[in-house]
């Protein structure tokens, strides 16, 4: 059985599977720079978007979740909120696919009745 610990995820207490820290702050900064550099190569205009979704079923760690109405984004303009708390890119979620993207994957399990809010600015 995997060891679980109580931790704050996006400001919300969650019981999660204990995992080693797989990414250092230095690697996180390099990854964010690469994502930003790649995202800026394609000049795609995105319309502002703000949509909340109530998950009727849970979602396992690492499984991708499409944005409502198949909304597209580059990277830095996407903000994700869980039950009203803003999540941190890389620590709480990551982008899935190439630019333009329409999916994210979470680094923790989503529970039944979690409310996810996607904002593209």
Protein backbone atom coordinates (compact mmCIF):
# COMPACT_ATOMS: atom_id res chain seq x y z
CA UNK A 1 0.00 0.00 0.00
CA UNK A 2 1.34 3.44 -0.93
CA UNK A 3 2.06 5.82 1.92
CA UNK A 4 -0.26 8.84 2.03
CA UNK A 5 0.41 12.19 3.67
CA UNK A 6 -1.77 15.19 4.45
CA UNK A 7 -0.59 18.25 2.55
CA UNK A 8 -1.90 21.55 1.22
CA UNK A 9 -2.61 21.54 -2.51
CA UNK A 10 -3.58 24.94 -3.80
CA UNK A 11 -4.40 25.94 -0.21
CA UNK A 12 -6.70 22.95 0.29
CA UNK A 13 -5.82 20.08 2.65
CA UNK A 14 -5.55 16.84 0.66
CA UNK A 15 -4.54 13.27 1.43
CA UNK A 16 -2.02 12.45 -1.33
CA UNK A 17 0.37 9.64 -2.17
CA UNK A 18 3.84 10.52 -0.87
CA UNK A 19 6.23 11.08 -3.76
CA UNK A 20 9.81 12.26 -3.92
CA UNK A 21 10.41 15.82 -5.10
CA UNK A 22 10.99 15.13 -8.79
CA UNK A 23 11.73 18.68 -9.90
CA UNK A 24 14.07 21.22 -8.33
CA UNK A 25 13.40 24.96 -8.39
CA UNK A 26 16.22 25.36 -10.92
CA UNK A 27 14.66 22.78 -13.26
CA UNK A 28 11.23 24.37 -12.76
CA UNK A 29 12.58 27.78 -13.80
CA UNK A 30 14.31 26.27 -16.87
CA UNK A 31 11.09 24.45 -17.85
CA UNK A 32 9.04 27.65 -17.50
CA UNK A 33 11.57 29.52 -19.72
CA UNK A 34 11.43 26.78 -22.37
CA UNK A 35 7.63 26.79 -22.32
CA UNK A 36 7.57 30.58 -22.59
CA UNK A 37 10.11 30.61 -25.42
CA UNK A 38 8.23 27.94 -27.40
CA UNK A 39 4.81 29.47 -26.73
CA UNK A 40 5.94 32.86 -28.03
CA UNK A 41 7.00 31.39 -31.40
CA UNK A 42 3.42 30.94 -32.54
CA UNK A 43 1.42 34.14 -32.74
CA UNK A 44 -2.05 32.83 -32.02
CA UNK A 45 -4.67 35.24 -30.74
CA UNK A 46 -6.76 33.91 -27.90
CA UNK A 47 -10.07 35.27 -26.72
CA UNK A 48 -10.50 35.79 -22.97
CA UNK A 49 -12.20 32.82 -21.33
CA UNK A 50 -13.53 32.15 -17.82
CA UNK A 51 -15.43 28.94 -17.16
CA UNK A 52 -16.13 26.88 -14.04
CA UNK A 53 -16.65 23.10 -14.19
CA UNK A 54 -18.08 20.88 -11.45
CA UNK A 55 -16.46 17.43 -11.60
CA UNK A 56 -19.16 14.82 -11.00
CA UNK A 57 -16.52 12.09 -10.82
CA UNK A 58 -12.91 12.14 -9.62
CA UNK A 59 -9.81 12.20 -11.81
CA UNK A 60 -6.59 10.29 -11.12
CA UNK A 61 -3.19 11.97 -10.93
CA UNK A 62 -1.66 12.57 -14.36
CA UNK A 63 -4.86 12.02 -16.35
CA UNK A 64 -5.54 14.91 -18.71
CA UNK A 65 -8.59 17.13 -18.50
CA UNK A 66 -9.82 19.15 -21.50
CA UNK A 67 -10.79 22.76 -21.07
CA UNK A 68 -14.51 23.46 -21.53
CA UNK A 69 -15.64 24.02 -25.11
CA UNK A 70 -12.22 22.74 -26.23
CA UNK A 71 -10.75 26.18 -25.43
CA UNK A 72 -7.15 26.65 -26.63
CA UNK A 73 -4.26 28.34 -24.81
CA UNK A 74 -0.48 28.81 -25.19
CA UNK A 75 0.66 28.49 -21.60
CA UNK A 76 1.30 31.61 -19.55
CA UNK A 77 -2.18 33.09 -20.02
CA UNK A 78 -3.94 30.08 -18.41
CA UNK A 79 -4.87 30.20 -14.73
CA UNK A 80 -6.46 27.21 -13.00
CA UNK A 81 -8.43 27.34 -9.75
CA UNK A 82 -9.57 24.44 -7.56
CA UNK A 83 -12.55 25.17 -5.30
CA UNK A 84 -11.73 28.89 -5.45
CA UNK A 85 -7.96 28.59 -4.81
CA UNK A 86 -5.47 29.40 -7.58
CA UNK A 87 -3.21 26.48 -8.46
CA UNK A 88 0.52 26.72 -9.19
CA UNK A 89 1.77 25.73 -12.65
CA UNK A 90 4.22 22.76 -12.47
CA UNK A 91 3.59 22.10 -8.76
CA UNK A 92 -0.19 21.55 -9.02
CA UNK A 93 -0.77 21.04 -12.76
CA UNK A 94 1.04 20.98 -16.09
CA UNK A 95 0.22 21.59 -19.73
CA UNK A 96 -0.53 18.67 -22.05
CA UNK A 97 0.35 18.69 -25.74
CA UNK A 98 1.84 21.19 -28.13
CA UNK A 99 0.80 24.80 -28.65
CA UNK A 100 -2.08 25.50 -29.07
CA UNK A 101 -3.11 23.34 -26.12
CA UNK A 102 -6.54 22.45 -24.78
CA UNK A 103 -5.70 20.10 -21.87
CA UNK A 104 -4.07 20.13 -18.46
CA UNK A 105 -3.04 17.31 -16.11
CA UNK A 106 -3.02 17.59 -12.32
CA UNK A 107 -0.28 16.37 -9.98
CA UNK A 108 -2.87 15.07 -7.50
CA UNK A 109 -6.19 13.24 -7.60
CA UNK A 110 -9.31 15.33 -8.15
CA UNK A 111 -12.17 14.36 -5.87
CA UNK A 112 -15.84 13.99 -6.72
CA UNK A 113 -17.62 17.40 -6.73
CA UNK A 114 -14.39 19.45 -7.04
CA UNK A 115 -14.96 22.74 -8.87
CA UNK A 116 -12.32 23.60 -11.47
CA UNK A 117 -12.18 27.11 -12.92
CA UNK A 118 -10.18 27.82 -16.08
CA UNK A 119 -9.28 31.43 -16.92
CA UNK A 120 -7.51 32.39 -20.15
CA UNK A 121 -6.54 36.06 -20.16
